[in-house]
C-alpha atoms as a PDB file:
ATOM      1  CA  UNK A   1     188.517  22.428  82.320  1.00  0.00           C
ATOM      2  CA  UNK A   2     188.734  26.061  81.234  1.00  0.00           C
ATOM      3  CA  UNK A   3     191.923  27.455  79.731  1.00  0.00           C
ATOM      4  CA  UNK A   4     192.919  31.086  79.298  1.00  0.00           C
ATOM      5  CA  UNK A   5     194.874  31.785  76.143  1.00  0.00           C
ATOM      6  CA  UNK A   6     197.498  34.424  75.568  1.00  0.00           C
ATOM      7  CA  UNK A   7     196.037  35.739  72.321  1.00  0.00           C
ATOM      8  CA  UNK A   8     195.868  39.463  71.535  1.00  0.00           C
ATOM      9  CA  UNK A   9     192.617  41.306  72.051  1.00  0.00           C
ATOM     10  CA  UNK A  10     190.584  41.738  68.845  1.00  0.00           C
ATOM     11  CA  UNK A  11     191.190  45.057  67.124  1.00  0.00           C
ATOM     12  CA  UNK A  12     188.818  47.935  67.816  1.00  0.00           C
ATOM     13  CA  UNK A  13     187.707  47.609  64.199  1.00  0.00           C
ATOM     14  CA  UNK A  14     186.696  43.967  64.727  1.00  0.00           C
ATOM     15  CA  UNK A  15     184.926  44.646  68.034  1.00  0.00           C
ATOM     16  CA  UNK A  16     183.013  47.585  66.529  1.00  0.00           C
ATOM     17  CA  UNK A  17     182.030  45.455  63.533  1.00  0.00           C
ATOM     18  CA  UNK A  18     180.730  42.630  65.758  1.00  0.00           C
ATOM     19  CA  UNK A  19     178.730  45.055  67.915  1.00  0.00           C
ATOM     20  CA  UNK A  20     177.163  46.690  64.862  1.00  0.00           C
ATOM     21  CA  UNK A  21     176.127  43.297  63.454  1.00  0.00           C
ATOM     22  CA  UNK A  22     174.782  42.167  66.832  1.00  0.00           C
ATOM     23  CA  UNK A  23     172.686  45.345  67.164  1.00  0.00           C
ATOM     24  CA  UNK A  24     170.680  44.578  64.027  1.00  0.00           C
ATOM     25  CA  UNK A  25     170.589  40.768  64.207  1.00  0.00           C
ATOM     26  CA  UNK A  26     167.065  39.433  64.613  1.00  0.00           C
ATOM     27  CA  UNK A  27     166.347  37.252  67.633  1.00  0.00           C
ATOM     28  CA  UNK A  28     166.686  33.521  67.008  1.00  0.00           C
ATOM     29  CA  UNK A  29     163.262  32.496  68.315  1.00  0.00           C
ATOM     30  CA  UNK A  30     163.791  28.907  67.131  1.00  0.00           C
ATOM     31  CA  UNK A  31     166.654  28.480  69.588  1.00  0.00           C
ATOM     32  CA  UNK A  32     164.504  29.799  72.437  1.00  0.00           C
ATOM     33  CA  UNK A  33     161.681  27.438  71.466  1.00  0.00           C
ATOM     34  CA  UNK A  34     164.029  24.446  71.296  1.00  0.00           C
ATOM     35  CA  UNK A  35     165.245  25.084  74.849  1.00  0.00           C
ATOM     36  CA  UNK A  36     161.699  25.697  76.113  1.00  0.00           C
ATOM     37  CA  UNK A  37     160.608  22.353  74.631  1.00  0.00           C
ATOM     38  CA  UNK A  38     163.203  20.635  76.838  1.00  0.00           C
ATOM     39  CA  UNK A  39     163.066  22.820  79.971  1.00  0.00           C
ATOM     40  CA  UNK A  40     159.417  23.897  79.998  1.00  0.00           C
ATOM     41  CA  UNK A  41     157.844  27.315  80.466  1.00  0.00           C
ATOM     42  CA  UNK A  42     158.997  27.720  84.079  1.00  0.00           C
ATOM     43  CA  UNK A  43     162.514  28.642  82.853  1.00  0.00           C
ATOM     44  CA  UNK A  44     163.024  31.954  81.050  1.00  0.00           C
ATOM     45  CA  UNK A  45     165.039  30.514  78.177  1.00  0.00           C
ATOM     46  CA  UNK A  46     167.416  32.796  76.319  1.00  0.00           C
ATOM     47  CA  UNK A  47     167.630  32.863  72.530  1.00  0.00           C
ATOM     48  CA  UNK A  48     171.045  31.769  71.287  1.00  0.00           C
ATOM     49  CA  UNK A  49     172.499  32.515  67.890  1.00  0.00           C
ATOM     50  CA  UNK A  50     175.954  31.499  66.647  1.00  0.00           C
ATOM     51  CA  UNK A  51     176.624  32.496  63.071  1.00  0.00           C
ATOM     52  CA  UNK A  52     179.271  33.384  60.535  1.00  0.00           C
ATOM     53  CA  UNK A  53     179.423  36.805  58.900  1.00  0.00           C
ATOM     54  CA  UNK A  54     181.729  37.314  55.884  1.00  0.00           C
ATOM     55  CA  UNK A  55     183.230  40.612  57.095  1.00  0.00           C
ATOM     56  CA  UNK A  56     183.932  39.202  60.562  1.00  0.00           C
ATOM     57  CA  UNK A  57     185.424  36.029  59.086  1.00  0.00           C
ATOM     58  CA  UNK A  58     187.797  38.002  56.873  1.00  0.00           C
ATOM     59  CA  UNK A  59     188.991  40.326  59.620  1.00  0.00           C
ATOM     60  CA  UNK A  60     189.193  37.668  62.353  1.00  0.00           C
ATOM     61  CA  UNK A  61     191.211  35.318  60.133  1.00  0.00           C
ATOM     62  CA  UNK A  62     193.541  38.197  59.291  1.00  0.00           C
ATOM     63  CA  UNK A  63     194.078  38.793  63.028  1.00  0.00           C
ATOM     64  CA  UNK A  64     194.153  35.192  64.346  1.00  0.00           C
ATOM     65  CA  UNK A  65     194.896  32.624  61.628  1.00  0.00           C
ATOM     66  CA  UNK A  66     198.657  33.004  62.162  1.00  0.00           C
ATOM     67  CA  UNK A  67     198.327  31.695  65.738  1.00  0.00           C
ATOM     68  CA  UNK A  68     196.902  28.388  64.489  1.00  0.00           C
ATOM     69  CA  UNK A  69     199.174  27.246  61.632  1.00  0.00           C
ATOM     70  CA  UNK A  70     197.866  24.082  60.050  1.00  0.00           C
ATOM     71  CA  UNK A  71     194.606  24.259  61.999  1.00  0.00           C
ATOM     72  CA  UNK A  72     191.234  25.329  60.623  1.00  0.00           C
ATOM     73  CA  UNK A  73     189.465  27.943  62.715  1.00  0.00           C
ATOM     74  CA  UNK A  74     185.980  29.220  62.000  1.00  0.00           C
ATOM     75  CA  UNK A  75     185.277  32.703  63.393  1.00  0.00           C
ATOM     76  CA  UNK A  76     181.697  33.248  64.483  1.00  0.00           C
ATOM     77  CA  UNK A  77     179.621  35.767  66.378  1.00  0.00           C
ATOM     78  CA  UNK A  78     177.811  34.377  69.404  1.00  0.00           C
ATOM     79  CA  UNK A  79     174.710  36.078  70.791  1.00  0.00           C
ATOM     80  CA  UNK A  80     172.719  34.856  73.777  1.00  0.00           C
ATOM     81  CA  UNK A  81     169.752  37.163  74.244  1.00  0.00           C
ATOM     82  CA  UNK A  82     167.364  37.567  77.160  1.00  0.00           C
ATOM     83  CA  UNK A  83     163.984  38.277  75.568  1.00  0.00           C
ATOM     84  CA  UNK A  84     162.185  39.195  78.829  1.00  0.00           C
ATOM     85  CA  UNK A  85     163.683  42.196  80.603  1.00  0.00           C
ATOM     86  CA  UNK A  86     161.683  41.612  83.803  1.00  0.00           C
ATOM     87  CA  UNK A  87     163.803  38.584  84.796  1.00  0.00           C
ATOM     88  CA  UNK A  88     167.152  36.985  84.053  1.00  0.00           C
ATOM     89  CA  UNK A  89     167.297  34.154  81.555  1.00  0.00           C
ATOM     90  CA  UNK A  90     169.160  30.894  81.088  1.00  0.00           C
ATOM     91  CA  UNK A  91     170.631  29.266  78.025  1.00  0.00           C
ATOM     92  CA  UNK A  92     169.949  25.712  79.190  1.00  0.00           C
ATOM     93  CA  UNK A  93     172.336  22.764  79.403  1.00  0.00           C
ATOM     94  CA  UNK A  94     173.675  21.752  76.012  1.00  0.00           C
ATOM     95  CA  UNK A  95     176.666  20.558  74.065  1.00  0.00           C
ATOM     96  CA  UNK A  96     177.693  22.555  71.011  1.00  0.00           C
ATOM     97  CA  UNK A  97     176.999  21.593  67.429  1.00  0.00           C
ATOM     98  CA  UNK A  98     179.680  21.188  64.793  1.00  0.00           C
ATOM     99  CA  UNK A  99     182.663  22.116  66.997  1.00  0.00           C
ATOM    100  CA  UNK A 100     184.725  20.336  69.623  1.00  0.00           C
ATOM    101  CA  UNK A 101     186.665  23.356  70.909  1.00  0.00           C
ATOM    102  CA  UNK A 102     185.393  26.875  71.491  1.00  0.00           C
ATOM    103  CA  UNK A 103     187.772  29.785  71.926  1.00  0.00           C
ATOM    104  CA  UNK A 104     185.708  32.718  73.174  1.00  0.00           C
ATOM    105  CA  UNK A 105     186.357  36.417  73.635  1.00  0.00           C
ATOM    106  CA  UNK A 106     183.470  38.148  75.433  1.00  0.00           C
ATOM    107  CA  UNK A 107     182.594  41.602  74.133  1.00  0.00           C
ATOM    108  CA  UNK A 108     179.510  41.999  76.351  1.00  0.00           C
ATOM    109  CA  UNK A 109     178.971  39.609  79.248  1.00  0.00           C
ATOM    110  CA  UNK A 110     175.193  40.063  79.217  1.00  0.00           C
ATOM    111  CA  UNK A 111     174.916  41.210  82.815  1.00  0.00           C
ATOM    112  CA  UNK A 112     176.697  41.667  86.118  1.00  0.00           C
ATOM    113  CA  UNK A 113     176.446  38.099  87.428  1.00  0.00           C
ATOM    114  CA  UNK A 114     176.343  35.861  84.339  1.00  0.00           C
ATOM    115  CA  UNK A 115     177.962  32.467  84.811  1.00  0.00           C
ATOM    116  CA  UNK A 116     178.664  29.430  82.705  1.00  0.00           C
ATOM    117  CA  UNK A 117     177.981  26.154  84.486  1.00  0.00           C
ATOM    118  CA  UNK A 118     179.719  22.980  83.330  1.00  0.00           C
ATOM    119  CA  UNK A 119     178.226  19.544  83.947  1.00  0.00           C
ATOM    120  CA  UNK A 120     179.404  15.959  84.324  1.00  0.00           C
ATOM    121  CA  UNK A 121     178.196  14.762  80.900  1.00  0.00           C
ATOM    122  CA  UNK A 122     180.151  14.829  77.619  1.00  0.00           C
ATOM    123  CA  UNK A 123     179.265  14.035  74.024  1.00  0.00           C
ATOM    124  CA  UNK A 124     181.944  11.939  72.285  1.00  0.00           C
ATOM    125  CA  UNK A 125     184.602  13.903  70.388  1.00  0.00           C
ATOM    126  CA  UNK A 126     184.133  11.716  67.334  1.00  0.00           C
ATOM    127  CA  UNK A 127     180.501  12.867  67.027  1.00  0.00           C
ATOM    128  CA  UNK A 128     181.225  15.537  64.426  1.00  0.00           C
ATOM    129  CA  UNK A 129     177.689  16.917  64.506  1.00  0.00           C
ATOM    130  CA  UNK A 130     176.939  17.076  68.240  1.00  0.00           C
ATOM    131  CA  UNK A 131     174.599  19.635  69.671  1.00  0.00           C
ATOM    132  CA  UNK A 132     172.267  18.155  72.240  1.00  0.00           C
ATOM    133  CA  UNK A 133     170.098  19.778  74.905  1.00  0.00           C
ATOM    134  CA  UNK A 134     169.408  18.352  78.362  1.00  0.00           C
ATOM    135  CA  UNK A 135     167.353  19.127  81.434  1.00  0.00           C
ATOM    136  CA  UNK A 136     169.006  20.307  84.624  1.00  0.00           C
ATOM    137  CA  UNK A 137     167.933  17.182  86.519  1.00  0.00           C
ATOM    138  CA  UNK A 138     169.741  14.891  84.013  1.00  0.00           C
ATOM    139  CA  UNK A 139     173.104  16.422  84.946  1.00  0.00           C
ATOM    140  CA  UNK A 140     175.287  17.276  87.910  1.00  0.00           C
ATOM    141  CA  UNK A 141     177.057  20.651  87.959  1.00  0.00           C
ATOM    142  CA  UNK A 142     180.827  20.307  88.393  1.00  0.00           C
ATOM    143  CA  UNK A 143     182.070  23.873  87.864  1.00  0.00           C
ATOM    144  CA  UNK A 144     180.704  27.420  87.645  1.00  0.00           C
ATOM    145  CA  UNK A 145     182.771  30.042  85.829  1.00  0.00           C
ATOM    146  CA  UNK A 146     182.302  33.817  85.655  1.00  0.00           C
ATOM    147  CA  UNK A 147     184.066  34.786  82.445  1.00  0.00           C
ATOM    148  CA  UNK A 148     185.486  38.299  82.102  1.00  0.00           C
ATOM    149  CA  UNK A 149     185.930  40.715  79.229  1.00  0.00           C
ATOM    150  CA  UNK A 150     189.318  41.082  77.533  1.00  0.00           C
ATOM    151  CA  UNK A 151     190.431  37.467  78.088  1.00  0.00           C
ATOM    152  CA  UNK A 152     190.415  34.579  75.628  1.00  0.00           C
ATOM    153  CA  UNK A 153     188.991  31.353  77.040  1.00  0.00           C
ATOM    154  CA  UNK A 154     189.064  27.861  75.540  1.00  0.00           C
ATOM    155  CA  UNK A 155     187.011  24.836  76.543  1.00  0.00           C
ATOM    156  CA  UNK A 156     185.710  21.491  75.364  1.00  0.00           C
ATOM    157  CA  UNK A 157     182.342  22.330  73.817  1.00  0.00           C
ATOM    158  CA  UNK A 158     181.261  18.681  73.993  1.00  0.00           C
ATOM    159  CA  UNK A 159     181.028  19.048  77.775  1.00  0.00           C
ATOM    160  CA  UNK A 160     177.476  20.026  78.627  1.00  0.00           C
ATOM    161  CA  UNK A 161     177.237  23.612  79.833  1.00  0.00           C
ATOM    162  CA  UNK A 162     174.634  26.305  80.434  1.00  0.00           C
ATOM    163  CA  UNK A 163     174.714  30.082  80.742  1.00  0.00           C
ATOM    164  CA  UNK A 164     172.844  31.490  83.738  1.00  0.00           C
ATOM    165  CA  UNK A 165     171.573  34.887  84.951  1.00  0.00           C
ATOM    166  CA  UNK A 166     171.599  36.639  81.578  1.00  0.00           C
ATOM    167  CA  UNK A 167     170.202  40.162  81.920  1.00  0.00           C
ATOM    168  CA  UNK A 168     170.676  41.569  78.407  1.00  0.00           C
ATOM    169  CA  UNK A 169     172.597  40.135  75.433  1.00  0.00           C
ATOM    170  CA  UNK A 170     175.851  38.239  75.760  1.00  0.00           C
ATOM    171  CA  UNK A 171     178.068  38.996  72.744  1.00  0.00           C
ATOM    172  CA  UNK A 172     181.214  37.102  71.864  1.00  0.00           C
ATOM    173  CA  UNK A 173     183.681  36.420  69.133  1.00  0.00           C
ATOM    174  CA  UNK A 174     184.270  32.687  69.004  1.00  0.00           C
ATOM    175  CA  UNK A 175     186.898  30.793  67.081  1.00  0.00           C
ATOM    176  CA  UNK A 176     185.564  27.292  66.566  1.00  0.00           C
ATOM    177  CA  UNK A 177     187.585  24.179  65.878  1.00  0.00           C
ATOM    178  CA  UNK A 178     186.484  20.679  64.925  1.00  0.00           C
ATOM    179  CA  UNK A 179     188.068  17.327  65.514  1.00  0.00           C
ATOM    180  CA  UNK A 180     190.741  18.444  67.970  1.00  0.00           C
ATOM    181  CA  UNK A 181     190.763  17.624  71.689  1.00  0.00           C
ATOM    182  CA  UNK A 182     191.171  20.657  73.951  1.00  0.00           C
ATOM    183  CA  UNK A 183     194.368  19.269  75.553  1.00  0.00           C
ATOM    184  CA  UNK A 184     195.975  18.940  72.116  1.00  0.00           C
ATOM    185  CA  UNK A 185     195.055  22.538  71.301  1.00  0.00           C
ATOM    186  CA  UNK A 186     196.509  23.879  74.543  1.00  0.00           C
ATOM    187  CA  UNK A 187     199.729  21.866  74.074  1.00  0.00           C
ATOM    188  CA  UNK A 188     199.935  23.152  70.495  1.00  0.00           C
ATOM    189  CA  UNK A 189     199.537  26.804  71.602  1.00  0.00           C
ATOM    190  CA  UNK A 190     202.093  26.490  74.412  1.00  0.00           C
ATOM    191  CA  UNK A 191     204.874  25.541  71.937  1.00  0.00           C
END
């Protein structure tokens, strides 16, 4: 299940900082290769990169830490890059590593028709490492979501999901949380 959160939009300073870092970040070819090893060469696999940057961490915590008292959030930049401009790419089915909840704000959607597809398989919440890839035929799609700019979204990152129809580079600010079920987070934020 996808939740929208009533958090303020990141400051222009933070958005500009994230864009400037994304512009010079080298492509994560290892991520692309890992997905190709699972999906094969017939899928144009995107290169994903989720990383911390000290300046972004400082500014994002200044802007958002107060909304999560007593909870540890880890701000990260997320990039999902299409490396072949002649066709759209996919960031294949996977569960996320190291986090159980992702709170995402999309700065660039990566194209006009990019969707996130959620599947019927979940990694256990008590697996504090996580991060597994799967083939499309191992899973059944249960929901397709077209995220928009200027909205905060939260979801269970242990549910397998893929990103489809990426034209350029998808850029996001993500606030990651570990060891908290999504329903508990939403109940906490609604207080």
